[in-house]
Structures are given as C-alpha cells and as structure tokens.
Amino acid sequence: MHGYLLTFLLGIADMKADIHPNYREVVFQDLSSDLIFKTRSTVQTKETIKWEDGNEYPLVKVEVSSKSHPFYTGQHKLVDSGGRVDKFKKRYGK
C-alpha cells in the first residue's frame, strides 16, 4: 500500500487514457437573471457566444443559478399549494 501511495504522490503513476473528461472554457447564462459567467466545464452544447475577450465559447443556458435561486437570494418561502399540509394533518392527526 505504501508503494502505491508514494508512486501516486510523486506523480509517477500513469493515468488511464481516454477515461477523463475534457474540461474547456464554457459560458453559463442564467435565463431568469442577468448573470452570465465563464468557467470550465465538461458539459456539451451546440450554442456559442462571443465573450468580452473577443473569443467564442460554448454557451449553456440554465434556468436557475446562485443569482436567481431563492435559497441564495433570501427570498425562500414555504408555499403550501392547495392546502396539502392541512389535508395531511386532517388525515393523519397532529
């Protein structure tokens, strides 16, 4: 076990070929807010966008991000649609 760990730590071990994803720079756009950012990802997309550096990058459109998700924006509310909680309480007691 120690020999494998030492080999791993020294970077001597060969990585298996063709099993690791290819990371590339990708632009994410939150459709429900004005957030747009560039990061590295393995996600595949057919759309592209011209970024502020003049280069073209793959574009991934998302419905929710940290800019629009209620948990991160502080707008999180418990919504009881159709009185489900009350129905549960009536059916099963307290």
PDB file of N, CA and C in Angstrom:
ATOM      1  N   MET A   1       0.827  -1.192   0.000  1.00  0.00           N
ATOM      2  CA  MET A   1       0.000   0.000   0.000  1.00  0.00           C
ATOM      3  C   MET A   1       0.868   1.250   0.000  1.00  0.00           C
ATOM      4  N   HIS A   2       1.937   1.263   0.763  1.00  0.00           N
ATOM      5  CA  HIS A   2       2.776   2.450   0.841  1.00  0.00           C
ATOM      6  C   HIS A   2       3.455   2.743  -0.490  1.00  0.00           C
ATOM      7  N   GLY A   3       3.820   1.691  -1.230  1.00  0.00           N
ATOM      8  CA  GLY A   3       4.473   1.882  -2.529  1.00  0.00           C
ATOM      9  C   GLY A   3       3.551   2.580  -3.510  1.00  0.00           C
ATOM     10  N   TYR A   4       2.263   2.193  -3.523  1.00  0.00           N
ATOM     11  CA  TYR A   4       1.296   2.817  -4.415  1.00  0.00           C
ATOM     12  C   TYR A   4       1.097   4.276  -4.033  1.00  0.00           C
ATOM     13  N   LEU A   5       0.972   4.543  -2.718  1.00  0.00           N
ATOM     14  CA  LEU A   5       0.767   5.906  -2.252  1.00  0.00           C
ATOM     15  C   LEU A   5       1.960   6.783  -2.611  1.00  0.00           C
ATOM     16  N   LEU A   6       3.150   6.290  -2.412  1.00  0.00           N
ATOM     17  CA  LEU A   6       4.357   7.047  -2.747  1.00  0.00           C
ATOM     18  C   LEU A   6       4.417   7.316  -4.249  1.00  0.00           C
ATOM     19  N   THR A   7       4.098   6.308  -5.046  1.00  0.00           N
ATOM     20  CA  THR A   7       4.094   6.476  -6.501  1.00  0.00           C
ATOM     21  C   THR A   7       3.068   7.528  -6.904  1.00  0.00           C
ATOM     22  N   PHE A   8       1.885   7.495  -6.278  1.00  0.00           N
ATOM     23  CA  PHE A   8       0.835   8.456  -6.577  1.00  0.00           C
ATOM     24  C   PHE A   8       1.270   9.873  -6.201  1.00  0.00           C
ATOM     25  N   LEU A   9       1.836  10.020  -4.998  1.00  0.00           N
ATOM     26  CA  LEU A   9       2.232  11.340  -4.520  1.00  0.00           C
ATOM     27  C   LEU A   9       3.364  11.940  -5.351  1.00  0.00           C
ATOM     28  N   LEU A  10       4.241  11.107  -5.849  1.00  0.00           N
ATOM     29  CA  LEU A  10       5.353  11.598  -6.660  1.00  0.00           C
ATOM     30  C   LEU A  10       4.948  11.837  -8.114  1.00  0.00           C
ATOM     31  N   GLY A  11       3.732  11.443  -8.470  1.00  0.00           N
ATOM     32  CA  GLY A  11       3.252  11.660  -9.820  1.00  0.00           C
ATOM     33  C   GLY A  11       3.842  10.702 -10.827  1.00  0.00           C
ATOM     34  N   ILE A  12       4.341   9.587 -10.367  1.00  0.00           N
ATOM     35  CA  ILE A  12       4.970   8.625 -11.258  1.00  0.00           C
ATOM     36  C   ILE A  12       3.926   7.739 -11.923  1.00  0.00           C
ATOM     37  N   ALA A  13       2.801   7.529 -11.251  1.00  0.00           N
ATOM     38  CA  ALA A  13       1.773   6.631 -11.775  1.00  0.00           C
ATOM     39  C   ALA A  13       1.195   7.187 -13.068  1.00  0.00           C
ATOM     40  N   ASP A  14       1.003   6.325 -14.045  1.00  0.00           N
ATOM     41  CA  ASP A  14       0.401   6.727 -15.304  1.00  0.00           C
ATOM     42  C   ASP A  14      -1.111   6.769 -15.140  1.00  0.00           C
ATOM     43  N   MET A  15      -1.719   7.810 -15.696  1.00  0.00           N
ATOM     44  CA  MET A  15      -3.173   7.903 -15.685  1.00  0.00           C
ATOM     45  C   MET A  15      -3.722   7.078 -16.838  1.00  0.00           C
ATOM     46  N   LYS A  16      -4.880   6.496 -16.637  1.00  0.00           N
ATOM     47  CA  LYS A  16      -5.510   5.739 -17.706  1.00  0.00           C
ATOM     48  C   LYS A  16      -5.923   6.699 -18.814  1.00  0.00           C
ATOM     49  N   ALA A  17      -5.701   6.294 -20.030  1.00  0.00           N
ATOM     50  CA  ALA A  17      -6.017   7.144 -21.168  1.00  0.00           C
ATOM     51  C   ALA A  17      -7.506   7.074 -21.511  1.00  0.00           C
ATOM     52  N   ASP A  18      -8.034   8.174 -22.002  1.00  0.00           N
ATOM     53  CA  ASP A  18      -9.395   8.272 -22.547  1.00  0.00           C
ATOM     54  C   ASP A  18     -10.517   7.985 -21.563  1.00  0.00           C
ATOM     55  N   ILE A  19     -10.289   8.170 -20.266  1.00  0.00           N
ATOM     56  CA  ILE A  19     -11.387   7.999 -19.312  1.00  0.00           C
ATOM     57  C   ILE A  19     -11.713   9.295 -18.581  1.00  0.00           C
ATOM     58  N   HIS A  20     -10.876  10.291 -18.710  1.00  0.00           N
ATOM     59  CA  HIS A  20     -11.083  11.554 -18.015  1.00  0.00           C
ATOM     60  C   HIS A  20     -11.788  12.545 -18.931  1.00  0.00           C
ATOM     61  N   PRO A  21     -12.738  13.307 -18.386  1.00  0.00           N
ATOM     62  CA  PRO A  21     -13.453  14.271 -19.228  1.00  0.00           C
ATOM     63  C   PRO A  21     -12.530  15.409 -19.653  1.00  0.00           C
ATOM     64  N   ASN A  22     -12.851  15.986 -20.783  1.00  0.00           N
ATOM     65  CA  ASN A  22     -12.084  17.133 -21.282  1.00  0.00           C
ATOM     66  C   ASN A  22     -12.745  18.417 -20.799  1.00  0.00           C
ATOM     67  N   TYR A  23     -12.052  19.134 -19.935  1.00  0.00           N
ATOM     68  CA  TYR A  23     -12.557  20.411 -19.460  1.00  0.00           C
ATOM     69  C   TYR A  23     -12.214  21.475 -20.481  1.00  0.00           C
ATOM     70  N   ARG A  24     -13.150  22.413 -20.656  1.00  0.00           N
ATOM     71  CA  ARG A  24     -12.926  23.528 -21.561  1.00  0.00           C
ATOM     72  C   ARG A  24     -13.646  24.736 -21.003  1.00  0.00           C
ATOM     73  N   GLU A  25     -13.295  25.899 -21.488  1.00  0.00           N
ATOM     74  CA  GLU A  25     -13.961  27.107 -21.019  1.00  0.00           C
ATOM     75  C   GLU A  25     -15.343  27.180 -21.645  1.00  0.00           C
ATOM     76  N   VAL A  26     -16.352  27.445 -20.801  1.00  0.00           N
ATOM     77  CA  VAL A  26     -17.747  27.481 -21.206  1.00  0.00           C
ATOM     78  C   VAL A  26     -18.398  28.690 -20.545  1.00  0.00           C
ATOM     79  N   VAL A  27     -19.345  29.317 -21.232  1.00  0.00           N
ATOM     80  CA  VAL A  27     -20.095  30.443 -20.674  1.00  0.00           C
ATOM     81  C   VAL A  27     -21.473  29.942 -20.245  1.00  0.00           C
ATOM     82  N   PHE A  28     -21.853  30.248 -19.001  1.00  0.00           N
ATOM     83  CA  PHE A  28     -23.168  29.911 -18.472  1.00  0.00           C
ATOM     84  C   PHE A  28     -24.007  31.182 -18.412  1.00  0.00           C
ATOM     85  N   GLN A  29     -25.275  31.075 -18.816  1.00  0.00           N
ATOM     86  CA  GLN A  29     -26.196  32.204 -18.775  1.00  0.00           C
ATOM     87  C   GLN A  29     -27.436  31.807 -18.001  1.00  0.00           C
ATOM     88  N   ASP A  30     -27.735  32.551 -16.933  1.00  0.00           N
ATOM     89  CA  ASP A  30     -28.952  32.333 -16.152  1.00  0.00           C
ATOM     90  C   ASP A  30     -30.082  33.067 -16.866  1.00  0.00           C
ATOM     91  N   LEU A  31     -31.072  32.330 -17.331  1.00  0.00           N
ATOM     92  CA  LEU A  31     -32.162  32.922 -18.098  1.00  0.00           C
ATOM     93  C   LEU A  31     -33.114  33.759 -17.253  1.00  0.00           C
ATOM     94  N   SER A  32     -33.132  33.560 -15.941  1.00  0.00           N
ATOM     95  CA  SER A  32     -34.056  34.301 -15.095  1.00  0.00           C
ATOM     96  C   SER A  32     -33.408  35.506 -14.409  1.00  0.00           C
ATOM     97  N   SER A  33     -32.151  35.756 -14.697  1.00  0.00           N
ATOM     98  CA  SER A  33     -31.475  36.949 -14.164  1.00  0.00           C
ATOM     99  C   SER A  33     -30.465  37.420 -15.205  1.00  0.00           C
ATOM    100  N   ASP A  34     -29.707  38.431 -14.870  1.00  0.00           N
ATOM    101  CA  ASP A  34     -28.725  38.968 -15.810  1.00  0.00           C
ATOM    102  C   ASP A  34     -27.334  38.353 -15.621  1.00  0.00           C
ATOM    103  N   LEU A  35     -27.244  37.266 -14.868  1.00  0.00           N
ATOM    104  CA  LEU A  35     -25.947  36.648 -14.589  1.00  0.00           C
ATOM    105  C   LEU A  35     -25.446  35.872 -15.806  1.00  0.00           C
ATOM    106  N   ILE A  36     -24.209  36.137 -16.169  1.00  0.00           N
ATOM    107  CA  ILE A  36     -23.527  35.396 -17.216  1.00  0.00           C
ATOM    108  C   ILE A  36     -22.063  35.309 -16.800  1.00  0.00           C
ATOM    109  N   PHE A  37     -21.503  34.090 -16.818  1.00  0.00           N
ATOM    110  CA  PHE A  37     -20.135  33.928 -16.357  1.00  0.00           C
ATOM    111  C   PHE A  37     -19.433  32.837 -17.139  1.00  0.00           C
ATOM    112  N   LYS A  38     -18.112  32.927 -17.174  1.00  0.00           N
ATOM    113  CA  LYS A  38     -17.283  31.949 -17.868  1.00  0.00           C
ATOM    114  C   LYS A  38     -16.558  31.106 -16.840  1.00  0.00           C
ATOM    115  N   THR A  39     -16.566  29.796 -17.058  1.00  0.00           N
ATOM    116  CA  THR A  39     -15.872  28.864 -16.171  1.00  0.00           C
ATOM    117  C   THR A  39     -15.453  27.661 -16.994  1.00  0.00           C
ATOM    118  N   ARG A  40     -14.901  26.683 -16.334  1.00  0.00           N
ATOM    119  CA  ARG A  40     -14.509  25.454 -17.026  1.00  0.00           C
ATOM    120  C   ARG A  40     -15.524  24.369 -16.719  1.00  0.00           C
ATOM    121  N   SER A  41     -15.864  23.582 -17.738  1.00  0.00           N
ATOM    122  CA  SER A  41     -16.871  22.537 -17.570  1.00  0.00           C
ATOM    123  C   SER A  41     -16.679  21.465 -18.635  1.00  0.00           C
ATOM    124  N   THR A  42     -17.324  20.329 -18.412  1.00  0.00           N
ATOM    125  CA  THR A  42     -17.307  19.248 -19.392  1.00  0.00           C
ATOM    126  C   THR A  42     -18.637  19.163 -20.130  1.00  0.00           C
ATOM    127  N   VAL A  43     -19.581  20.040 -19.808  1.00  0.00           N
ATOM    128  CA  VAL A  43     -20.909  19.998 -20.408  1.00  0.00           C
ATOM    129  C   VAL A  43     -20.815  20.226 -21.919  1.00  0.00           C
ATOM    130  N   GLN A  44     -21.669  19.513 -22.652  1.00  0.00           N
ATOM    131  CA  GLN A  44     -21.689  19.628 -24.107  1.00  0.00           C
ATOM    132  C   GLN A  44     -22.873  20.497 -24.531  1.00  0.00           C
ATOM    133  N   THR A  45     -22.656  21.377 -25.496  1.00  0.00           N
ATOM    134  CA  THR A  45     -23.701  22.245 -26.013  1.00  0.00           C
ATOM    135  C   THR A  45     -23.390  22.603 -27.458  1.00  0.00           C
ATOM    136  N   LYS A  46     -24.440  22.938 -28.209  1.00  0.00           N
ATOM    137  CA  LYS A  46     -24.255  23.310 -29.608  1.00  0.00           C
ATOM    138  C   LYS A  46     -24.238  24.821 -29.794  1.00  0.00           C
ATOM    139  N   GLU A  47     -24.736  25.568 -28.801  1.00  0.00           N
ATOM    140  CA  GLU A  47     -24.776  27.028 -28.900  1.00  0.00           C
ATOM    141  C   GLU A  47     -23.432  27.630 -28.518  1.00  0.00           C
ATOM    142  N   THR A  48     -23.132  28.774 -29.092  1.00  0.00           N
ATOM    143  CA  THR A  48     -21.909  29.503 -28.753  1.00  0.00           C
ATOM    144  C   THR A  48     -22.246  30.971 -28.527  1.00  0.00           C
ATOM    145  N   ILE A  49     -21.313  31.670 -27.898  1.00  0.00           N
ATOM    146  CA  ILE A  49     -21.482  33.101 -27.636  1.00  0.00           C
ATOM    147  C   ILE A  49     -20.113  33.762 -27.729  1.00  0.00           C
ATOM    148  N   LYS A  50     -20.113  34.999 -28.190  1.00  0.00           N
ATOM    149  CA  LYS A  50     -18.860  35.775 -28.235  1.00  0.00           C
ATOM    150  C   LYS A  50     -18.685  36.440 -26.873  1.00  0.00           C
ATOM    151  N   TRP A  51     -17.570  36.175 -26.214  1.00  0.00           N
ATOM    152  CA  TRP A  51     -17.304  36.674 -24.865  1.00  0.00           C
ATOM    153  C   TRP A  51     -16.607  38.012 -24.951  1.00  0.00           C
ATOM    154  N   GLU A  52     -16.477  38.698 -23.840  1.00  0.00           N
ATOM    155  CA  GLU A  52     -15.889  40.037 -23.797  1.00  0.00           C
ATOM    156  C   GLU A  52     -14.421  40.087 -24.207  1.00  0.00           C
ATOM    157  N   ASP A  53     -13.748  38.941 -24.222  1.00  0.00           N
ATOM    158  CA  ASP A  53     -12.347  38.928 -24.669  1.00  0.00           C
ATOM    159  C   ASP A  53     -12.238  38.759 -26.188  1.00  0.00           C
ATOM    160  N   GLY A  54     -13.400  38.692 -26.869  1.00  0.00           N
ATOM    161  CA  GLY A  54     -13.411  38.572 -28.316  1.00  0.00           C
ATOM    162  C   GLY A  54     -13.439  37.144 -28.830  1.00  0.00           C
ATOM    163  N   ASN A  55     -13.250  36.178 -27.959  1.00  0.00           N
ATOM    164  CA  ASN A  55     -13.276  34.765 -28.353  1.00  0.00           C
ATOM    165  C   ASN A  55     -14.696  34.216 -28.275  1.00  0.00           C
ATOM    166  N   GLU A  56     -14.937  33.143 -29.007  1.00  0.00           N
ATOM    167  CA  GLU A  56     -16.235  32.478 -28.993  1.00  0.00           C
ATOM    168  C   GLU A  56     -16.150  31.227 -28.117  1.00  0.00           C
ATOM    169  N   TYR A  57     -17.148  31.054 -27.240  1.00  0.00           N
ATOM    170  CA  TYR A  57     -17.168  29.936 -26.305  1.00  0.00           C
ATOM    171  C   TYR A  57     -18.510  29.220 -26.378  1.00  0.00           C
ATOM    172  N   PRO A  58     -18.553  27.941 -26.000  1.00  0.00           N
ATOM    173  CA  PRO A  58     -19.833  27.237 -25.897  1.00  0.00           C
ATOM    174  C   PRO A  58     -20.718  27.919 -24.864  1.00  0.00           C
ATOM    175  N   LEU A  59     -22.024  27.986 -25.133  1.00  0.00           N
ATOM    176  CA  LEU A  59     -22.978  28.641 -24.242  1.00  0.00           C
ATOM    177  C   LEU A  59     -23.924  27.613 -23.650  1.00  0.00           C
ATOM    178  N   VAL A  60     -24.069  27.649 -22.329  1.00  0.00           N
ATOM    179  CA  VAL A  60     -25.014  26.782 -21.618  1.00  0.00           C
ATOM    180  C   VAL A  60     -26.027  27.685 -20.933  1.00  0.00           C
ATOM    181  N   LYS A  61     -27.295  27.520 -21.289  1.00  0.00           N
ATOM    182  CA  LYS A  61     -28.362  28.311 -20.675  1.00  0.00           C
ATOM    183  C   LYS A  61     -28.969  27.508 -19.534  1.00  0.00           C
ATOM    184  N   VAL A  62     -29.088  28.152 -18.371  1.00  0.00           N
ATOM    185  CA  VAL A  62     -29.650  27.491 -17.193  1.00  0.00           C
ATOM    186  C   VAL A  62     -30.844  28.293 -16.683  1.00  0.00           C
ATOM    187  N   GLU A  63     -31.787  27.606 -16.070  1.00  0.00           N
ATOM    188  CA  GLU A  63     -32.985  28.246 -15.528  1.00  0.00           C
ATOM    189  C   GLU A  63     -32.705  28.933 -14.188  1.00  0.00           C
ATOM    190  N   VAL A  64     -31.814  28.341 -13.398  1.00  0.00           N
ATOM    191  CA  VAL A  64     -31.569  28.830 -12.039  1.00  0.00           C
ATOM    192  C   VAL A  64     -30.077  28.807 -11.759  1.00  0.00           C
ATOM    193  N   SER A  65     -29.603  29.846 -11.092  1.00  0.00           N
ATOM    194  CA  SER A  65     -28.218  29.902 -10.624  1.00  0.00           C
ATOM    195  C   SER A  65     -28.227  30.523  -9.231  1.00  0.00           C
ATOM    196  N   SER A  66     -27.065  30.770  -8.682  1.00  0.00           N
ATOM    197  CA  SER A  66     -26.991  31.374  -7.352  1.00  0.00           C
ATOM    198  C   SER A  66     -27.575  32.790  -7.351  1.00  0.00           C
ATOM    199  N   LYS A  67     -27.634  33.424  -8.496  1.00  0.00           N
ATOM    200  CA  LYS A  67     -28.187  34.784  -8.587  1.00  0.00           C
ATOM    201  C   LYS A  67     -29.722  34.777  -8.528  1.00  0.00           C
ATOM    202  N   SER A  68     -30.348  33.665  -8.945  1.00  0.00           N
ATOM    203  CA  SER A  68     -31.804  33.645  -9.007  1.00  0.00           C
ATOM    204  C   SER A  68     -32.463  32.613  -8.085  1.00  0.00           C
ATOM    205  N   HIS A  69     -31.701  31.708  -7.501  1.00  0.00           N
ATOM    206  CA  HIS A  69     -32.292  30.678  -6.638  1.00  0.00           C
ATOM    207  C   HIS A  69     -32.733  31.293  -5.316  1.00  0.00           C
ATOM    208  N   PRO A  70     -33.957  31.017  -4.883  1.00  0.00           N
ATOM    209  CA  PRO A  70     -34.478  31.617  -3.651  1.00  0.00           C
ATOM    210  C   PRO A  70     -33.616  31.369  -2.418  1.00  0.00           C
ATOM    211  N   PHE A  71     -32.954  30.245  -2.334  1.00  0.00           N
ATOM    212  CA  PHE A  71     -32.114  29.972  -1.166  1.00  0.00           C
ATOM    213  C   PHE A  71     -30.985  30.992  -1.059  1.00  0.00           C
ATOM    214  N   TYR A  72     -30.371  31.335  -2.177  1.00  0.00           N
ATOM    215  CA  TYR A  72     -29.236  32.260  -2.172  1.00  0.00           C
ATOM    216  C   TYR A  72     -29.661  33.719  -2.155  1.00  0.00           C
ATOM    217  N   THR A  73     -30.859  34.015  -2.648  1.00  0.00           N
ATOM    218  CA  THR A  73     -31.309  35.409  -2.704  1.00  0.00           C
ATOM    219  C   THR A  73     -32.040  35.837  -1.444  1.00  0.00           C
ATOM    220  N   GLY A  74     -32.355  34.878  -0.551  1.00  0.00           N
ATOM    221  CA  GLY A  74     -33.069  35.207   0.676  1.00  0.00           C
ATOM    222  C   GLY A  74     -34.564  35.317   0.475  1.00  0.00           C
ATOM    223  N   GLN A  75     -35.061  34.934  -0.675  1.00  0.00           N
ATOM    224  CA  GLN A  75     -36.484  35.015  -0.981  1.00  0.00           C
ATOM    225  C   GLN A  75     -37.200  33.690  -0.742  1.00  0.00           C
ATOM    226  N   HIS A  76     -36.528  32.750  -0.079  1.00  0.00           N
ATOM    227  CA  HIS A  76     -37.082  31.416   0.138  1.00  0.00           C
ATOM    228  C   HIS A  76     -38.315  31.483   1.030  1.00  0.00           C
ATOM    229  N   LYS A  77     -39.412  30.910   0.534  1.00  0.00           N
ATOM    230  CA  LYS A  77     -40.660  30.885   1.294  1.00  0.00           C
ATOM    231  C   LYS A  77     -41.246  29.486   1.209  1.00  0.00           C
ATOM    232  N   LEU A  78     -41.932  29.078   2.269  1.00  0.00           N
ATOM    233  CA  LEU A  78     -42.639  27.805   2.266  1.00  0.00           C
ATOM    234  C   LEU A  78     -44.012  28.045   1.659  1.00  0.00           C
ATOM    235  N   VAL A  79     -44.282  27.396   0.544  1.00  0.00           N
ATOM    236  CA  VAL A  79     -45.554  27.578  -0.142  1.00  0.00           C
ATOM    237  C   VAL A  79     -46.386  26.320   0.040  1.00  0.00           C
ATOM    238  N   ASP A  80     -47.579  26.497   0.570  1.00  0.00           N
ATOM    239  CA  ASP A  80     -48.494  25.379   0.772  1.00  0.00           C
ATOM    240  C   ASP A  80     -49.513  25.415  -0.364  1.00  0.00           C
ATOM    241  N   SER A  81     -49.202  24.729  -1.444  1.00  0.00           N
ATOM    242  CA  SER A  81     -50.098  24.767  -2.601  1.00  0.00           C
ATOM    243  C   SER A  81     -51.278  23.831  -2.392  1.00  0.00           C
ATOM    244  N   GLY A  82     -52.439  24.407  -2.412  1.00  0.00           N
ATOM    245  CA  GLY A  82     -53.663  23.616  -2.297  1.00  0.00           C
ATOM    246  C   GLY A  82     -53.950  23.091  -0.908  1.00  0.00           C
ATOM    247  N   GLY A  83     -53.345  23.633   0.130  1.00  0.00           N
ATOM    248  CA  GLY A  83     -53.621  23.195   1.491  1.00  0.00           C
ATOM    249  C   GLY A  83     -53.158  21.780   1.778  1.00  0.00           C
ATOM    250  N   ARG A  84     -52.085  21.361   1.176  1.00  0.00           N
ATOM    251  CA  ARG A  84     -51.596  19.987   1.352  1.00  0.00           C
ATOM    252  C   ARG A  84     -51.239  19.673   2.802  1.00  0.00           C
ATOM    253  N   VAL A  85     -50.650  20.658   3.479  1.00  0.00           N
ATOM    254  CA  VAL A  85     -50.272  20.432   4.874  1.00  0.00           C
ATOM    255  C   VAL A  85     -51.512  20.197   5.718  1.00  0.00           C
ATOM    256  N   ASP A  86     -52.545  21.019   5.502  1.00  0.00           N
ATOM    257  CA  ASP A  86     -53.793  20.859   6.258  1.00  0.00           C
ATOM    258  C   ASP A  86     -54.455  19.521   5.960  1.00  0.00           C
ATOM    259  N   LYS A  87     -54.459  19.112   4.702  1.00  0.00           N
ATOM    260  CA  LYS A  87     -55.034  17.819   4.332  1.00  0.00           C
ATOM    261  C   LYS A  87     -54.288  16.673   5.023  1.00  0.00           C
ATOM    262  N   PHE A  88     -52.963  16.794   5.072  1.00  0.00           N
ATOM    263  CA  PHE A  88     -52.152  15.769   5.725  1.00  0.00           C
ATOM    264  C   PHE A  88     -52.492  15.707   7.213  1.00  0.00           C
ATOM    265  N   LYS A  89     -52.560  16.866   7.855  1.00  0.00           N
ATOM    266  CA  LYS A  89     -52.855  16.918   9.289  1.00  0.00           C
ATOM    267  C   LYS A  89     -54.230  16.340   9.585  1.00  0.00           C
ATOM    268  N   LYS A  90     -55.245  16.637   8.764  1.00  0.00           N
ATOM    269  CA  LYS A  90     -56.586  16.094   8.964  1.00  0.00           C
ATOM    270  C   LYS A  90     -56.581  14.577   8.814  1.00  0.00           C
ATOM    271  N   ARG A  91     -55.868  14.102   7.817  1.00  0.00           N
ATOM    272  CA  ARG A  91     -55.878  12.667   7.521  1.00  0.00           C
ATOM    273  C   ARG A  91     -55.109  11.879   8.582  1.00  0.00           C
ATOM    274  N   TYR A  92     -53.972  12.382   9.025  1.00  0.00           N
ATOM    275  CA  TYR A  92     -53.097  11.600   9.900  1.00  0.00           C
ATOM    276  C   TYR A  92     -52.988  12.158  11.317  1.00  0.00           C
ATOM    277  N   GLY A  93     -53.840  13.071  11.684  1.00  0.00           N
ATOM    278  CA  GLY A  93     -53.813  13.589  13.050  1.00  0.00           C
ATOM    279  C   GLY A  93     -52.910  14.794  13.161  1.00  0.00           C
ATOM    280  N   LYS A  94     -52.315  14.951  14.336  1.00  0.00           N
ATOM    281  CA  LYS A  94     -51.466  16.116  14.592  1.00  0.00           C
ATOM    282  C   LYS A  94     -50.336  16.072  13.666  1.00  0.00           C
TER     283      LYS A  94
END
